[in-house]
Protein backbone atom coordinates (compact mmCIF):
# COMPACT_ATOMS: atom_id res chain seq x y z
CA MET A 1 0.00 0.00 0.00
CA ASN A 2 1.42 3.38 -1.00
CA LYS A 3 1.80 5.91 1.73
CA VAL A 4 0.52 9.41 1.15
CA LYS A 5 3.40 11.85 1.33
CA ILE A 6 2.41 15.27 2.64
CA THR A 7 4.83 18.08 1.89
CA LYS A 8 5.42 21.14 4.07
CA ARG A 9 3.79 23.29 1.39
CA GLU A 10 0.66 21.13 1.56
CA ILE A 11 0.53 21.42 5.34
CA VAL A 12 0.71 25.21 5.10
CA ILE A 13 -2.00 25.43 2.41
CA LEU A 14 -4.37 23.02 4.17
CA SER A 15 -3.82 24.79 7.49
CA ILE A 16 -4.67 28.17 5.95
CA VAL A 17 -7.85 26.77 4.35
CA SER A 18 -8.88 25.17 7.66
CA ILE A 19 -8.34 28.35 9.66
CA ILE A 20 -10.27 30.47 7.15
CA PHE A 21 -13.31 28.18 7.15
CA LEU A 22 -13.35 27.88 10.92
CA LEU A 23 -13.24 31.68 11.25
CA ILE A 24 -16.08 32.38 8.79
CA PRO A 25 -18.90 31.62 11.33
CA PHE A 26 -17.35 34.03 13.85
CA ILE A 27 -17.18 36.80 11.25
CA ALA A 28 -20.64 36.22 9.75
CA ALA A 29 -22.51 35.54 12.99
CA PRO A 30 -25.17 38.18 13.86
CA ASN A 31 -25.18 40.13 17.11
CA PHE A 32 -21.42 39.70 17.38
CA SER A 33 -21.11 43.01 19.24
CA SER A 34 -24.18 42.58 21.46
CA ASP A 35 -24.35 41.15 24.97
CA GLN A 36 -25.70 37.85 23.68
CA SER A 37 -23.09 35.11 23.36
CA ILE A 38 -22.68 33.98 19.78
CA PHE A 39 -22.15 30.42 21.02
CA LYS A 40 -25.84 30.36 22.07
CA THR A 41 -27.02 31.57 18.69
CA GLY A 42 -28.68 28.90 16.61
CA PHE A 43 -27.48 30.50 13.40
CA PHE A 44 -23.86 30.44 14.60
CA LYS A 45 -24.04 26.82 15.77
CA ARG A 46 -25.49 25.67 12.49
CA MET A 47 -23.05 27.68 10.38
CA LEU A 48 -20.09 26.45 12.41
CA PHE A 49 -21.25 22.86 12.02
CA GLU A 50 -21.75 23.38 8.27
CA ASN A 51 -18.24 24.76 7.88
CA ILE A 52 -16.73 21.89 9.86
CA LEU A 53 -18.51 19.42 7.57
CA LEU A 54 -17.45 21.46 4.55
CA LEU A 55 -13.85 21.36 5.73
CA MET A 56 -14.11 17.60 6.24
CA PHE A 57 -15.43 17.31 2.68
CA PHE A 58 -12.49 19.38 1.44
CA LEU A 59 -9.99 17.01 3.08
CA VAL A 60 -11.82 13.85 1.99
CA ASN A 61 -12.06 15.19 -1.54
CA TYR A 62 -8.38 16.11 -1.53
CA PHE A 63 -6.98 12.88 -0.10
CA VAL A 64 -9.54 10.27 -1.22
CA LEU A 65 -12.09 11.26 -3.87
CA ILE A 66 -9.79 13.01 -6.32
CA PRO A 67 -7.05 10.30 -6.33
CA LYS A 68 -9.46 7.34 -6.24
CA LEU A 69 -12.20 8.62 -8.55
CA TYR A 70 -11.25 11.75 -10.49
CA PHE A 71 -7.69 10.72 -11.38
CA GLN A 72 -9.00 7.25 -12.28
CA LYS A 73 -11.46 8.90 -14.72
CA ARG A 74 -14.49 7.62 -12.84
CA TYR A 75 -16.22 10.94 -13.32
CA PHE A 76 -19.81 9.71 -13.00
CA PHE A 77 -19.20 8.20 -9.55
CA TYR A 78 -17.21 11.28 -8.57
CA ILE A 79 -20.15 13.59 -9.36
CA ILE A 80 -22.60 11.30 -7.52
CA VAL A 81 -20.41 11.33 -4.41
CA LEU A 82 -20.12 15.14 -4.59
CA ILE A 83 -23.91 15.47 -4.67
CA ILE A 84 -24.24 13.16 -1.65
CA PHE A 85 -21.65 15.18 0.24
CA PHE A 86 -23.45 18.39 -0.64
CA PHE A 87 -26.69 17.28 0.99
CA VAL A 88 -24.83 15.84 3.98
CA VAL A 89 -23.00 19.13 4.53
CA TYR A 90 -26.10 21.33 4.35
CA LYS A 91 -28.99 19.08 5.40
CA PHE A 92 -27.51 17.27 8.37
CA PRO A 93 -27.04 20.50 10.42
CA GLU A 94 -30.76 21.29 9.96
CA PHE A 95 -31.75 18.00 11.61
CA ALA A 96 -29.01 18.27 14.24
CA PHE A 97 -30.06 21.71 15.47
CA HIS A 98 -33.77 21.57 14.53
CA PHE A 99 -33.33 24.66 12.45
CA ASN A 100 -36.78 25.33 11.03
CA LYS A 101 -37.29 27.86 8.30
CA VAL A 102 -40.36 30.03 8.61
CA SER A 103 -41.60 30.86 5.17
CA PRO A 104 -43.81 33.95 4.97
CA LYS A 105 -47.14 33.60 3.23
CA ALA A 106 -46.95 34.36 -0.39
CA PRO A 107 -48.64 37.65 -1.31
CA PRO A 108 -51.53 37.61 -3.78
CA PHE A 109 -50.34 37.10 -7.29
CA ASN A 110 -50.34 40.23 -9.38
CA ARG A 111 -49.88 39.55 -13.04
CA PHE A 112 -48.51 43.08 -13.51
CA GLU A 113 -45.67 42.60 -11.03
CA PRO A 114 -42.56 40.68 -12.06
CA ARG A 115 -42.37 37.29 -10.40
CA LYS A 116 -39.57 37.08 -7.82
CA PRO A 117 -37.28 34.07 -7.75
CA PRO A 118 -38.27 31.34 -5.28
CA ARG A 119 -36.95 31.73 -1.75
CA ASP A 120 -35.41 28.24 -1.79
CA PHE A 121 -33.30 29.08 -4.81
CA MET A 122 -32.07 32.32 -3.18
CA MET A 123 -31.12 30.37 -0.07
CA TRP A 124 -29.38 27.48 -1.80
CA SER A 125 -27.46 29.39 -4.49
CA PRO A 126 -24.69 30.71 -2.15
CA LYS A 127 -24.33 27.22 -0.67
CA ILE A 128 -23.95 25.71 -4.13
CA ILE A 129 -21.33 28.35 -4.96
CA MET A 130 -19.45 27.75 -1.71
CA PHE A 131 -19.48 23.97 -2.09
CA SER A 132 -18.40 24.19 -5.74
CA MET A 133 -15.61 26.57 -4.82
CA MET A 134 -14.29 24.14 -2.18
CA ALA A 135 -14.39 21.28 -4.69
CA ILE A 136 -12.59 23.33 -7.35
CA VAL A 137 -9.94 24.65 -4.94
CA SER A 138 -9.13 21.17 -3.61
CA LEU A 139 -9.02 19.83 -7.18
CA PHE A 140 -6.69 22.63 -8.29
CA ILE A 141 -4.28 22.10 -5.37
CA ARG A 142 -4.30 18.34 -5.87
CA GLN A 143 -3.72 18.65 -9.61
CA ASN A 144 -0.78 20.96 -8.95
CA LYS A 145 0.68 18.44 -6.50
CA ARG A 146 0.25 15.63 -9.03
CA PHE A 147 2.03 17.70 -11.68
CA GLN A 148 4.95 18.37 -9.33
CA GLU A 149 5.16 14.68 -8.38
CA MET A 150 5.23 13.64 -12.03
CA LYS A 151 7.87 16.26 -12.74
CA ASN A 152 10.02 15.08 -9.82
CA GLU A 153 9.63 11.43 -10.84
CA LYS A 154 10.78 12.30 -14.34
CA GLN A 155 13.80 14.15 -12.99
CA LEU A 156 14.66 11.31 -10.62
CA SER A 157 14.40 8.75 -13.41
CA GLU A 158 16.70 10.89 -15.55
CA ILE A 159 19.17 11.15 -12.67
CA ALA A 160 19.07 7.39 -12.11
CA TYR A 161 19.77 6.91 -15.81
CA LEU A 162 22.69 9.34 -15.72
CA ARG A 163 24.18 7.58 -12.72
CA ALA A 164 23.96 4.25 -14.52
CA GLN A 165 26.14 5.51 -17.36
CA ILE A 166 29.47 4.12 -16.18
CA ASN A 167 32.27 4.80 -18.63
CA PRO A 168 32.98 1.39 -20.23
CA HIS A 169 36.30 2.61 -21.68
CA PHE A 170 37.65 3.28 -18.20
CA LEU A 171 36.58 -0.18 -17.05
CA PHE A 172 38.14 -1.97 -20.04
CA ASN A 173 41.36 0.04 -19.87
CA THR A 174 41.66 -0.61 -16.15
CA LEU A 175 41.16 -4.35 -16.59
CA ASN A 176 43.76 -4.40 -19.35
CA ASN A 177 46.20 -2.51 -17.13
CA ILE A 178 45.59 -4.91 -14.26
CA TYR A 179 46.11 -7.84 -16.64
CA ALA A 180 49.44 -6.35 -17.73
CA LEU A 181 50.47 -5.95 -14.08
CA THR A 182 49.65 -9.58 -13.37
CA LEU A 183 51.80 -10.67 -16.33
CA GLN A 184 54.62 -8.62 -14.87
CA LYS A 185 53.89 -10.16 -11.47
CA SER A 186 53.77 -6.65 -10.06
CA ASP A 187 52.76 -6.10 -6.45
CA SER A 188 50.55 -3.25 -7.66
CA ALA A 189 48.09 -5.67 -9.29
CA SER A 190 46.36 -6.70 -6.07
CA ASP A 191 46.13 -3.07 -4.95
CA ALA A 192 44.60 -2.07 -8.29
CA VAL A 193 42.03 -4.87 -8.05
CA MET A 194 41.08 -3.67 -4.57
CA LYS A 195 40.66 -0.07 -5.78
CA LEU A 196 38.49 -1.18 -8.71
CA SER A 197 36.43 -3.39 -6.39
CA LYS A 198 35.77 -0.44 -4.06
CA MET A 199 34.73 1.74 -6.99
CA MET A 200 32.30 -0.85 -8.33
CA ARG A 201 30.80 -1.41 -4.88
CA PHE A 202 30.37 2.36 -4.51
CA VAL A 203 28.59 2.67 -7.87
CA VAL A 204 26.33 -0.33 -7.29
CA SER A 205 25.48 0.15 -3.59
CA ASP A 206 25.92 3.80 -2.61
CA SER A 207 25.45 5.92 -5.72
CA SER A 208 21.67 5.38 -5.67
CA LYS A 209 21.41 7.55 -2.55
CA ASP A 210 20.62 11.22 -2.91
CA PHE A 211 23.39 12.24 -0.53
CA LEU A 212 26.27 10.50 1.20
CA PRO A 213 29.40 11.50 3.16
CA LEU A 214 31.74 13.65 1.11
CA GLN A 215 34.71 11.50 2.12
CA GLN A 216 33.22 8.50 0.27
CA ASP A 217 32.94 10.50 -2.94
CA LEU A 218 36.50 11.78 -2.53
CA ASP A 219 37.74 8.20 -2.01
CA TYR A 220 36.02 7.21 -5.26
CA ILE A 221 37.74 10.07 -7.11
CA LYS A 222 41.10 9.20 -5.57
CA ASN A 223 40.80 5.54 -6.63
CA TYR A 224 39.73 6.61 -10.12
CA ILE A 225 42.80 8.82 -10.52
CA GLU A 226 45.14 6.17 -9.12
CA LEU A 227 43.83 3.61 -11.61
CA GLN A 228 44.19 6.10 -14.46
CA LYS A 229 47.82 6.56 -13.50
CA LEU A 230 48.50 2.86 -14.14
CA ARG A 231 48.69 3.55 -17.86
CA LEU A 232 50.97 6.60 -17.49
CA THR A 233 54.72 6.64 -17.85
CA HIS A 234 55.07 10.01 -16.12
CA LYS A 235 53.05 9.85 -12.91
CA GLU A 236 53.76 13.55 -12.29
CA SER A 237 51.68 14.47 -15.32
CA VAL A 238 48.62 14.28 -13.07
CA ILE A 239 48.47 16.58 -10.05
CA PHE A 240 45.72 15.79 -7.56
CA GLU A 241 45.30 17.82 -4.37
CA VAL A 242 42.68 17.77 -1.63
CA GLU A 243 42.60 20.46 1.06
CA GLY A 244 40.31 20.94 4.02
CA ASN A 245 38.26 18.73 6.28
CA PRO A 246 35.37 16.85 4.60
CA ALA A 247 34.12 15.38 7.88
CA ASP A 248 30.37 15.76 8.59
CA LEU A 249 29.71 17.05 5.05
CA ARG A 250 27.47 15.30 2.52
CA ILE A 251 27.27 15.48 -1.27
CA SER A 252 25.26 14.00 -4.11
CA PRO A 253 27.36 11.03 -5.30
CA LEU A 254 29.23 11.01 -8.62
CA ILE A 255 28.46 14.67 -9.29
CA LEU A 256 32.13 15.69 -9.50
CA ILE A 257 33.58 12.77 -11.41
CA ASN A 258 32.33 13.82 -14.87
CA PHE A 259 34.54 16.93 -14.86
CA ILE A 260 37.53 14.78 -13.89
CA GLU A 261 36.75 12.06 -16.44
CA ASN A 262 36.66 14.66 -19.22
CA ALA A 263 40.19 15.75 -18.36
CA PHE A 264 41.46 12.20 -18.95
CA LYS A 265 39.28 11.51 -21.99
CA TYR A 266 39.86 14.74 -23.92
CA GLY A 267 43.02 16.20 -22.39
CA VAL A 268 46.73 15.79 -23.05
CA ILE A 269 47.91 12.92 -20.86
CA ASP A 270 51.34 11.71 -19.79
CA GLU A 271 53.26 14.90 -20.47
CA ASP A 272 55.05 16.60 -17.57
CA SER A 273 55.05 19.94 -19.35
CA GLN A 274 51.25 19.91 -19.68
CA PRO A 275 49.94 18.25 -16.51
CA VAL A 276 46.31 17.60 -15.65
CA ILE A 277 45.58 19.58 -12.48
CA ILE A 278 42.75 18.50 -10.21
CA SER A 279 42.24 20.48 -7.05
CA ILE A 280 39.51 20.01 -4.43
CA LYS A 281 39.25 22.37 -1.50
CA VAL A 282 36.79 22.28 1.38
CA GLU A 283 36.13 25.38 3.47
CA GLN A 284 33.47 25.04 6.15
CA GLN A 285 30.36 24.00 4.14
CA THR A 286 31.67 24.99 0.71
CA LEU A 287 33.44 22.75 -1.79
CA PHE A 288 35.67 24.12 -4.56
CA LEU A 289 36.62 21.96 -7.55
CA ASN A 290 39.18 23.12 -10.10
CA VAL A 291 40.10 20.97 -13.08
CA GLU A 292 42.57 22.14 -15.71
CA ASN A 293 43.92 20.31 -18.72
CA THR A 294 45.40 20.97 -22.14
CA ILE A 295 43.01 19.93 -24.90
CA SER A 296 44.32 17.11 -27.07
CA LYS A 297 44.20 17.78 -30.81
CA GLU A 298 43.35 14.14 -31.44
CA VAL A 299 39.98 14.35 -29.70
CA THR A 300 38.75 17.79 -30.70
CA LEU A 301 36.12 16.11 -32.93
CA GLU A 302 34.60 14.42 -29.87
CA THR A 303 33.76 17.63 -28.05
CA GLY A 304 30.07 16.95 -28.71
CA LYS A 305 30.18 13.95 -26.39
CA SER A 306 31.89 16.05 -23.74
CA GLU A 307 29.17 18.69 -23.96
CA ILE A 308 26.46 16.04 -23.47
CA GLY A 309 28.18 14.81 -20.32
CA LEU A 310 28.48 18.36 -19.01
CA LYS A 311 24.80 19.05 -19.70
CA ASN A 312 23.83 15.92 -17.79
CA THR A 313 25.95 16.97 -14.84
CA LYS A 314 24.41 20.44 -14.91
CA LYS A 315 20.95 18.84 -14.72
CA ARG A 316 21.95 17.02 -11.57
CA LEU A 317 23.45 20.18 -10.08
CA ASP A 318 20.25 22.09 -10.87
CA TYR A 319 18.16 19.38 -9.22
CA PHE A 320 20.17 18.80 -6.03
CA TYR A 321 21.78 22.22 -5.59
CA THR A 322 19.31 24.74 -6.97
CA ASN A 323 20.75 28.23 -6.37
CA HIS A 324 23.48 26.63 -4.24
CA TYR A 325 26.26 26.22 -6.78
CA LYS A 326 28.33 28.22 -9.25
CA LEU A 327 29.88 26.68 -12.35
CA ALA A 328 32.30 28.38 -14.72
CA ILE A 329 33.81 26.62 -17.74
CA HIS A 330 36.61 28.21 -19.76
CA ASN A 331 37.51 26.78 -23.15
CA ASP A 332 39.93 28.60 -25.45
CA LEU A 333 40.53 25.55 -27.71
CA SER A 334 43.91 24.91 -26.06
CA LYS A 335 43.05 24.91 -22.36
CA PHE A 336 39.94 23.57 -20.67
CA ILE A 337 39.28 24.84 -17.14
CA VAL A 338 36.38 23.93 -14.84
CA GLU A 339 35.68 25.97 -11.72
CA LEU A 340 32.86 24.61 -9.55
CA LYS A 341 31.66 25.92 -6.21
CA ILE A 342 29.01 24.01 -4.24
CA PHE A 343 27.40 25.06 -0.96
CA LEU A 344 26.97 21.78 0.86
CA ASN A 345 24.69 20.94 3.77
CA ASP A 346 26.13 19.16 6.76
């Protein structure tokens, strides 16, 4: 059974509607300024009871009738239930408080005088308007919530898809490098296997979470860079620095790695004179990422793929860090520089 999730915005809106409808009898009650207590007035008691029932209808319509009937396109049953609720809301108080209407005798009919509308119609028309307004307002709010839920589900599905896009080239290259190390009977082979195992476990088990400890994401990046270095002759051609204390900070997983992957995929690699520089700095609740690399002439035709990856990462930043990040990308066809600033929550 699906649980109904109530957002803070919903609580505020429903609370405001409830307060307004509970205050209407106090405002509309007659003799409010006289010595007579309004709580002893039959009109007040009946109106208060009507508004309580009307508020109950509003909530039932919002949480039950609209999702179960209206959204399921069972419009005929929905209208029938609304009519039943209407008579319950306005007829039950009459029986509960024995509120009897005293209809004055109709004056003699004069064919020269315009016929006045029936008294019953004049009495019921504002009630029909009020009831219809409550039904429409609850339907509007519920429709808006449904739209937001569908929008969020679409965004989450897109994010899940983006997370699932693990770079196969990195995986194949890493396995080939590990295979070469095993042929050389290098002691680094077992360490490389352990690093790759940790990365795969992170992607499979932890990356599905919205947020996780920043240190875990940094460990993933560190392992990624260390495995990339396996294929390099000049280890100094990659400079990786981390400053600050990431303790007690959380981040959306795998949101930084795309910028770092691009440096290895499209940058000049294994040249001391043109190193790849990756710098991560943490100050209080703010993370700074700086990635700088020389653009390789051999992969300039693949810049379209890089732009797609960057767009996907921007979507995730917009979703998880709306108005809480700053991204600047500098590309002069020879140097590619990424400057990212994220305000994290502890």
